[in-house]
Amino acid sequence: MPLRLGRIRKTLLASIGMTVLLAPAVAASNSEYGSFLAGQHAEALRDTDRAAAFMLRVLEENPDDQKLLRRTFILSLTAGKMETAVSLAQRIEGAGGKMSTAAMLLATGLIATGVCRGIARHPRLLEGRALRLGWTVALAAAGLLLIATH
């Protein structure tokens, strides 16, 4: 008996529907495996906020897993969770990991801190041309720092 395309579509839609419905329930069980699966599912749906949150749960259970640390860092950065991303970048660099994105985030943070201090001391830096020039120099310095460290 040949399979009909309509039956395959219905089966596929039912599978997707069950996955969407069950992923939060599996993750809510607070199991490491459930959180990992829910994180993967959220990532596949491009829901980076939830994917980062689930992967952070898994990372808490596996703090020495460098691959998971890097993946969680990228998800947090993509989701715009900058405090978490900076913390994870510091862990990556502290463990001797070589990840250019983490190094660039940390370098940019240092440069931004320095730029803010400079503006506080020299308010004229906020003027149009000076500000544009300052950011150009800061970005160039971040690039050079990144190249020099890797």
C-alpha atoms as a PDB file:
ATOM      1  CA  MET A   1       0.000   0.000   0.000  1.00  0.00           C
ATOM      2  CA  PRO A   2       1.732   3.218  -1.114  1.00  0.00           C
ATOM      3  CA  LEU A   3       1.925   6.107   1.345  1.00  0.00           C
ATOM      4  CA  ARG A   4       0.027   9.154   0.382  1.00  0.00           C
ATOM      5  CA  LEU A   5       1.577  12.587   0.659  1.00  0.00           C
ATOM      6  CA  GLY A   6      -1.385  13.802   2.722  1.00  0.00           C
ATOM      7  CA  ARG A   7      -0.778  11.152   5.384  1.00  0.00           C
ATOM      8  CA  ILE A   8       2.929  12.082   5.599  1.00  0.00           C
ATOM      9  CA  ARG A   9       2.066  15.760   5.991  1.00  0.00           C
ATOM     10  CA  LYS A  10      -0.414  15.010   8.764  1.00  0.00           C
ATOM     11  CA  THR A  11       2.124  12.840  10.579  1.00  0.00           C
ATOM     12  CA  LEU A  12       4.819  15.484  10.218  1.00  0.00           C
ATOM     13  CA  LEU A  13       2.519  18.261  11.457  1.00  0.00           C
ATOM     14  CA  ALA A  14       1.431  16.119  14.404  1.00  0.00           C
ATOM     15  CA  SER A  15       5.079  15.443  15.296  1.00  0.00           C
ATOM     16  CA  ILE A  16       5.967  19.117  15.138  1.00  0.00           C
ATOM     17  CA  GLY A  17       2.902  20.016  17.175  1.00  0.00           C
ATOM     18  CA  MET A  18       3.746  17.499  19.883  1.00  0.00           C
ATOM     19  CA  THR A  19       7.343  18.738  20.003  1.00  0.00           C
ATOM     20  CA  VAL A  20       6.217  22.342  20.406  1.00  0.00           C
ATOM     21  CA  LEU A  21       3.739  21.379  23.102  1.00  0.00           C
ATOM     22  CA  LEU A  22       6.046  19.041  25.020  1.00  0.00           C
ATOM     23  CA  ALA A  23       9.347  20.972  24.910  1.00  0.00           C
ATOM     24  CA  PRO A  24       8.367  23.406  27.699  1.00  0.00           C
ATOM     25  CA  ALA A  25       7.025  20.542  29.825  1.00  0.00           C
ATOM     26  CA  VAL A  26      10.228  18.541  29.413  1.00  0.00           C
ATOM     27  CA  ALA A  27      12.318  21.595  30.285  1.00  0.00           C
ATOM     28  CA  ALA A  28      10.117  22.396  33.272  1.00  0.00           C
ATOM     29  CA  SER A  29      11.087  19.083  34.780  1.00  0.00           C
ATOM     30  CA  ASN A  30      14.444  20.775  35.550  1.00  0.00           C
ATOM     31  CA  SER A  31      16.368  17.823  34.214  1.00  0.00           C
ATOM     32  CA  GLU A  32      19.671  18.546  32.564  1.00  0.00           C
ATOM     33  CA  TYR A  33      18.694  16.511  29.517  1.00  0.00           C
ATOM     34  CA  GLY A  34      15.283  18.177  29.271  1.00  0.00           C
ATOM     35  CA  SER A  35      16.831  21.632  29.454  1.00  0.00           C
ATOM     36  CA  PHE A  36      19.343  20.700  26.773  1.00  0.00           C
ATOM     37  CA  LEU A  37      16.627  19.421  24.435  1.00  0.00           C
ATOM     38  CA  ALA A  38      14.443  22.452  25.098  1.00  0.00           C
ATOM     39  CA  GLY A  39      17.433  24.717  24.418  1.00  0.00           C
ATOM     40  CA  GLN A  40      18.140  22.975  21.129  1.00  0.00           C
ATOM     41  CA  HIS A  41      14.486  23.226  20.170  1.00  0.00           C
ATOM     42  CA  ALA A  42      14.312  26.923  21.063  1.00  0.00           C
ATOM     43  CA  GLU A  43      17.491  27.529  19.069  1.00  0.00           C
ATOM     44  CA  ALA A  44      15.982  25.746  16.058  1.00  0.00           C
ATOM     45  CA  LEU A  45      12.951  28.043  16.358  1.00  0.00           C
ATOM     46  CA  ARG A  46      15.342  31.027  16.569  1.00  0.00           C
ATOM     47  CA  ASP A  47      14.089  31.854  20.060  1.00  0.00           C
ATOM     48  CA  THR A  48      17.509  32.856  21.369  1.00  0.00           C
ATOM     49  CA  ASP A  49      16.186  34.198  24.687  1.00  0.00           C
ATOM     50  CA  ARG A  50      14.779  30.830  25.703  1.00  0.00           C
ATOM     51  CA  ALA A  51      17.636  28.875  24.122  1.00  0.00           C
ATOM     52  CA  ALA A  52      20.161  30.879  26.167  1.00  0.00           C
ATOM     53  CA  ALA A  53      18.138  30.431  29.364  1.00  0.00           C
ATOM     54  CA  PHE A  54      17.875  26.653  28.913  1.00  0.00           C
ATOM     55  CA  MET A  55      21.546  26.279  28.006  1.00  0.00           C
ATOM     56  CA  LEU A  56      22.520  28.322  31.072  1.00  0.00           C
ATOM     57  CA  ARG A  57      20.686  25.734  33.187  1.00  0.00           C
ATOM     58  CA  VAL A  58      22.667  22.950  31.539  1.00  0.00           C
ATOM     59  CA  LEU A  59      25.913  24.901  31.948  1.00  0.00           C
ATOM     60  CA  GLU A  60      25.255  25.230  35.694  1.00  0.00           C
ATOM     61  CA  GLU A  61      25.265  21.424  35.874  1.00  0.00           C
ATOM     62  CA  ASN A  62      28.348  21.131  33.625  1.00  0.00           C
ATOM     63  CA  PRO A  63      30.532  24.160  34.393  1.00  0.00           C
ATOM     64  CA  ASP A  64      33.696  22.606  32.917  1.00  0.00           C
ATOM     65  CA  ASP A  65      32.196  21.791  29.503  1.00  0.00           C
ATOM     66  CA  GLN A  66      34.020  24.265  27.241  1.00  0.00           C
ATOM     67  CA  LYS A  67      31.958  23.437  24.154  1.00  0.00           C
ATOM     68  CA  LEU A  68      28.737  24.104  26.060  1.00  0.00           C
ATOM     69  CA  LEU A  69      30.254  27.281  27.533  1.00  0.00           C
ATOM     70  CA  ARG A  70      31.038  28.603  24.045  1.00  0.00           C
ATOM     71  CA  ARG A  71      27.606  27.703  22.709  1.00  0.00           C
ATOM     72  CA  THR A  72      25.859  29.344  25.658  1.00  0.00           C
ATOM     73  CA  PHE A  73      28.040  32.442  25.221  1.00  0.00           C
ATOM     74  CA  ILE A  74      27.013  32.787  21.560  1.00  0.00           C
ATOM     75  CA  LEU A  75      23.330  32.265  22.407  1.00  0.00           C
ATOM     76  CA  SER A  76      23.479  34.852  25.207  1.00  0.00           C
ATOM     77  CA  LEU A  77      25.246  37.338  22.956  1.00  0.00           C
ATOM     78  CA  THR A  78      22.742  36.753  20.154  1.00  0.00           C
ATOM     79  CA  ALA A  79      19.852  37.191  22.589  1.00  0.00           C
ATOM     80  CA  GLY A  80      21.296  40.530  23.724  1.00  0.00           C
ATOM     81  CA  LYS A  81      21.939  39.343  27.286  1.00  0.00           C
ATOM     82  CA  MET A  82      25.130  41.352  27.549  1.00  0.00           C
ATOM     83  CA  GLU A  83      25.848  40.906  31.268  1.00  0.00           C
ATOM     84  CA  THR A  84      25.596  37.149  30.906  1.00  0.00           C
ATOM     85  CA  ALA A  85      27.628  37.195  27.681  1.00  0.00           C
ATOM     86  CA  VAL A  86      30.404  39.239  29.317  1.00  0.00           C
ATOM     87  CA  SER A  87      30.491  36.877  32.288  1.00  0.00           C
ATOM     88  CA  LEU A  88      30.709  33.858  29.990  1.00  0.00           C
ATOM     89  CA  ALA A  89      33.384  35.575  27.856  1.00  0.00           C
ATOM     90  CA  GLN A  90      35.440  36.131  31.001  1.00  0.00           C
ATOM     91  CA  ARG A  91      35.086  32.428  31.859  1.00  0.00           C
ATOM     92  CA  ILE A  92      36.184  31.441  28.346  1.00  0.00           C
ATOM     93  CA  GLU A  93      39.235  33.698  28.466  1.00  0.00           C
ATOM     94  CA  GLY A  94      39.994  32.726  32.083  1.00  0.00           C
ATOM     95  CA  ALA A  95      40.063  29.057  31.144  1.00  0.00           C
ATOM     96  CA  GLY A  96      42.619  29.816  28.452  1.00  0.00           C
ATOM     97  CA  GLY A  97      40.111  29.415  25.644  1.00  0.00           C
ATOM     98  CA  LYS A  98      40.796  31.097  22.341  1.00  0.00           C
ATOM     99  CA  MET A  99      37.533  32.491  21.037  1.00  0.00           C
ATOM    100  CA  SER A 100      37.828  35.686  19.031  1.00  0.00           C
ATOM    101  CA  THR A 101      34.211  36.725  19.652  1.00  0.00           C
ATOM    102  CA  ALA A 102      34.680  36.520  23.422  1.00  0.00           C
ATOM    103  CA  ALA A 103      37.981  38.408  23.240  1.00  0.00           C
ATOM    104  CA  MET A 104      36.423  41.107  21.055  1.00  0.00           C
ATOM    105  CA  LEU A 105      33.483  41.545  23.445  1.00  0.00           C
ATOM    106  CA  LEU A 106      35.843  41.948  26.402  1.00  0.00           C
ATOM    107  CA  ALA A 107      38.136  44.336  24.484  1.00  0.00           C
ATOM    108  CA  THR A 108      35.171  46.430  23.370  1.00  0.00           C
ATOM    109  CA  GLY A 109      33.978  46.614  26.969  1.00  0.00           C
ATOM    110  CA  LEU A 110      37.379  47.843  28.124  1.00  0.00           C
ATOM    111  CA  ILE A 111      37.517  50.413  25.352  1.00  0.00           C
ATOM    112  CA  ALA A 112      33.972  51.583  26.071  1.00  0.00           C
ATOM    113  CA  THR A 113      34.851  51.976  29.750  1.00  0.00           C
ATOM    114  CA  GLY A 114      37.880  54.053  28.805  1.00  0.00           C
ATOM    115  CA  VAL A 115      35.871  56.143  26.346  1.00  0.00           C
ATOM    116  CA  CYS A 116      33.242  56.867  29.028  1.00  0.00           C
ATOM    117  CA  ARG A 117      35.926  57.955  31.468  1.00  0.00           C
ATOM    118  CA  GLY A 118      37.465  60.158  28.799  1.00  0.00           C
ATOM    119  CA  ILE A 119      34.121  61.788  28.004  1.00  0.00           C
ATOM    120  CA  ALA A 120      33.510  62.461  31.703  1.00  0.00           C
ATOM    121  CA  ARG A 121      36.856  64.258  31.890  1.00  0.00           C
ATOM    122  CA  HIS A 122      36.549  65.981  28.518  1.00  0.00           C
ATOM    123  CA  PRO A 123      32.912  66.813  27.647  1.00  0.00           C
ATOM    124  CA  ARG A 124      34.057  68.336  24.323  1.00  0.00           C
ATOM    125  CA  LEU A 125      34.491  64.788  23.073  1.00  0.00           C
ATOM    126  CA  LEU A 126      30.735  64.671  22.638  1.00  0.00           C
ATOM    127  CA  GLU A 127      30.887  67.181  19.794  1.00  0.00           C
ATOM    128  CA  GLY A 128      29.976  65.714  16.398  1.00  0.00           C
ATOM    129  CA  ARG A 129      33.300  65.323  14.535  1.00  0.00           C
ATOM    130  CA  ALA A 130      35.290  64.522  17.667  1.00  0.00           C
ATOM    131  CA  LEU A 131      32.793  61.844  18.669  1.00  0.00           C
ATOM    132  CA  ARG A 132      32.891  60.198  15.245  1.00  0.00           C
ATOM    133  CA  LEU A 133      36.673  60.264  15.249  1.00  0.00           C
ATOM    134  CA  GLY A 134      36.815  58.873  18.796  1.00  0.00           C
ATOM    135  CA  TRP A 135      34.616  55.886  17.952  1.00  0.00           C
ATOM    136  CA  THR A 136      36.636  55.224  14.807  1.00  0.00           C
ATOM    137  CA  VAL A 137      39.834  55.181  16.850  1.00  0.00           C
ATOM    138  CA  ALA A 138      38.210  53.004  19.545  1.00  0.00           C
ATOM    139  CA  LEU A 139      37.011  50.439  17.009  1.00  0.00           C
ATOM    140  CA  ALA A 140      40.401  50.392  15.284  1.00  0.00           C
ATOM    141  CA  ALA A 141      42.102  49.891  18.648  1.00  0.00           C
ATOM    142  CA  ALA A 142      39.727  47.012  19.461  1.00  0.00           C
ATOM    143  CA  GLY A 143      40.604  45.377  16.151  1.00  0.00           C
ATOM    144  CA  LEU A 144      44.327  45.792  16.741  1.00  0.00           C
ATOM    145  CA  LEU A 145      44.025  44.427  20.274  1.00  0.00           C
ATOM    146  CA  LEU A 146      42.128  41.433  18.986  1.00  0.00           C
ATOM    147  CA  ILE A 147      44.730  40.748  16.296  1.00  0.00           C
ATOM    148  CA  ALA A 148      47.577  41.160  18.790  1.00  0.00           C
ATOM    149  CA  THR A 149      46.097  38.725  21.310  1.00  0.00           C
ATOM    150  CA  HIS A 150      45.238  35.962  18.847  1.00  0.00           C
END
